[in-house]
Amino acid sequence: FDIDRANNIVSFPLGNAAWAEYLESEIETAKKQGFDVVGKGFTIVVKKNGRILRRATGQPQWGGFIETMEVMDGSKFGMPG
């Protein structure tokens, strides 16, 4: 796992108001599902089409998360990443 590789992938969200609005409903959904959003935090994985792939409590399992991204990266197969 090379943490520096993420520098080219991860970015900060633009438009704080839009993200606050988006996350408001996600936080409510997570709380209804029993997540301790304030105490443990939560991770949401959003697909390219904007739909939620999964929610998890706490930080993501970075190793598995990056591996999944590498498998989904079509550039290895001549497709746009």
Protein backbone atom coordinates (compact mmCIF):
# COMPACT_ATOMS: atom_id res chain seq x y z
CA PHE A 1 0.00 0.00 0.00
CA ASP A 2 1.56 3.27 -1.16
CA ILE A 3 -0.14 6.24 0.51
CA ASP A 4 1.40 8.69 -1.98
CA ARG A 5 -0.51 7.10 -4.89
CA ALA A 6 -3.72 8.50 -3.39
CA ASN A 7 -2.50 12.06 -3.99
CA ASN A 8 -3.50 11.74 -7.64
CA ILE A 9 -6.89 10.18 -6.85
CA VAL A 10 -8.35 11.87 -3.77
CA SER A 11 -9.58 15.44 -3.89
CA PHE A 12 -11.39 17.79 -1.60
CA PRO A 13 -15.05 18.55 -2.35
CA LEU A 14 -15.90 21.92 -3.83
CA GLY A 15 -19.02 23.83 -2.83
CA ASN A 16 -19.41 23.29 0.91
CA ALA A 17 -23.12 24.12 0.91
CA ALA A 18 -23.89 21.45 -1.69
CA TRP A 19 -21.90 18.84 0.24
CA ALA A 20 -23.56 19.83 3.52
CA GLU A 21 -26.96 19.36 1.90
CA TYR A 22 -25.93 16.02 0.39
CA LEU A 23 -24.44 14.72 3.63
CA GLU A 24 -27.39 15.84 5.76
CA SER A 25 -29.62 13.11 4.35
CA GLU A 26 -26.76 10.58 4.42
CA ILE A 27 -26.13 11.30 8.09
CA GLU A 28 -29.82 10.82 8.89
CA THR A 29 -29.87 7.53 6.96
CA ALA A 30 -26.71 6.34 8.74
CA LYS A 31 -28.21 7.20 12.15
CA LYS A 32 -31.39 5.25 11.28
CA GLN A 33 -29.17 2.29 10.39
CA GLY A 34 -27.56 2.43 13.85
CA PHE A 35 -24.29 4.18 13.00
CA ASP A 36 -22.65 6.35 15.67
CA VAL A 37 -21.88 9.15 13.23
CA VAL A 38 -20.46 11.57 15.80
CA GLY A 39 -18.56 9.07 17.96
CA LYS A 40 -17.11 6.77 15.31
CA GLY A 41 -17.75 8.60 12.07
CA PHE A 42 -18.85 6.83 8.94
CA THR A 43 -17.68 6.17 5.43
CA ILE A 44 -19.86 6.34 2.35
CA VAL A 45 -18.69 4.98 -0.98
CA VAL A 46 -20.33 6.81 -3.85
CA LYS A 47 -20.38 5.33 -7.34
CA LYS A 48 -19.69 7.48 -10.41
CA ASN A 49 -23.42 7.74 -11.07
CA GLY A 50 -23.94 9.34 -7.62
CA ARG A 51 -25.61 6.34 -6.01
CA ILE A 52 -24.36 4.97 -2.70
CA LEU A 53 -22.42 1.73 -3.03
CA ARG A 54 -22.10 1.17 0.73
CA ARG A 55 -21.96 2.77 4.16
CA ALA A 56 -19.63 1.66 6.93
CA THR A 57 -18.86 2.87 10.43
CA GLY A 58 -15.51 4.57 11.04
CA GLN A 59 -12.75 5.10 8.51
CA PRO A 60 -12.53 2.96 5.41
CA GLN A 61 -10.27 -0.08 5.33
CA TRP A 62 -7.80 1.78 3.13
CA GLY A 63 -5.93 -1.26 1.83
CA GLY A 64 -9.05 -2.99 0.55
CA PHE A 65 -10.50 0.28 -0.68
CA ILE A 66 -7.45 1.05 -2.83
CA GLU A 67 -7.31 -2.52 -4.12
CA THR A 68 -10.95 -2.24 -5.21
CA MET A 69 -10.20 1.01 -7.00
CA GLU A 70 -7.27 -0.60 -8.82
CA VAL A 71 -9.46 -3.48 -10.01
CA MET A 72 -12.13 -1.04 -11.19
CA ASP A 73 -9.56 1.08 -13.05
CA GLY A 74 -10.27 0.30 -16.68
CA SER A 75 -7.08 2.02 -17.86
CA LYS A 76 -5.28 -1.28 -17.31
CA PHE A 77 -7.49 -2.70 -20.04
CA GLY A 78 -7.32 0.18 -22.52
CA MET A 79 -10.41 1.91 -21.13
CA PRO A 80 -10.57 5.38 -19.57
CA GLY A 81 -9.99 5.27 -15.79
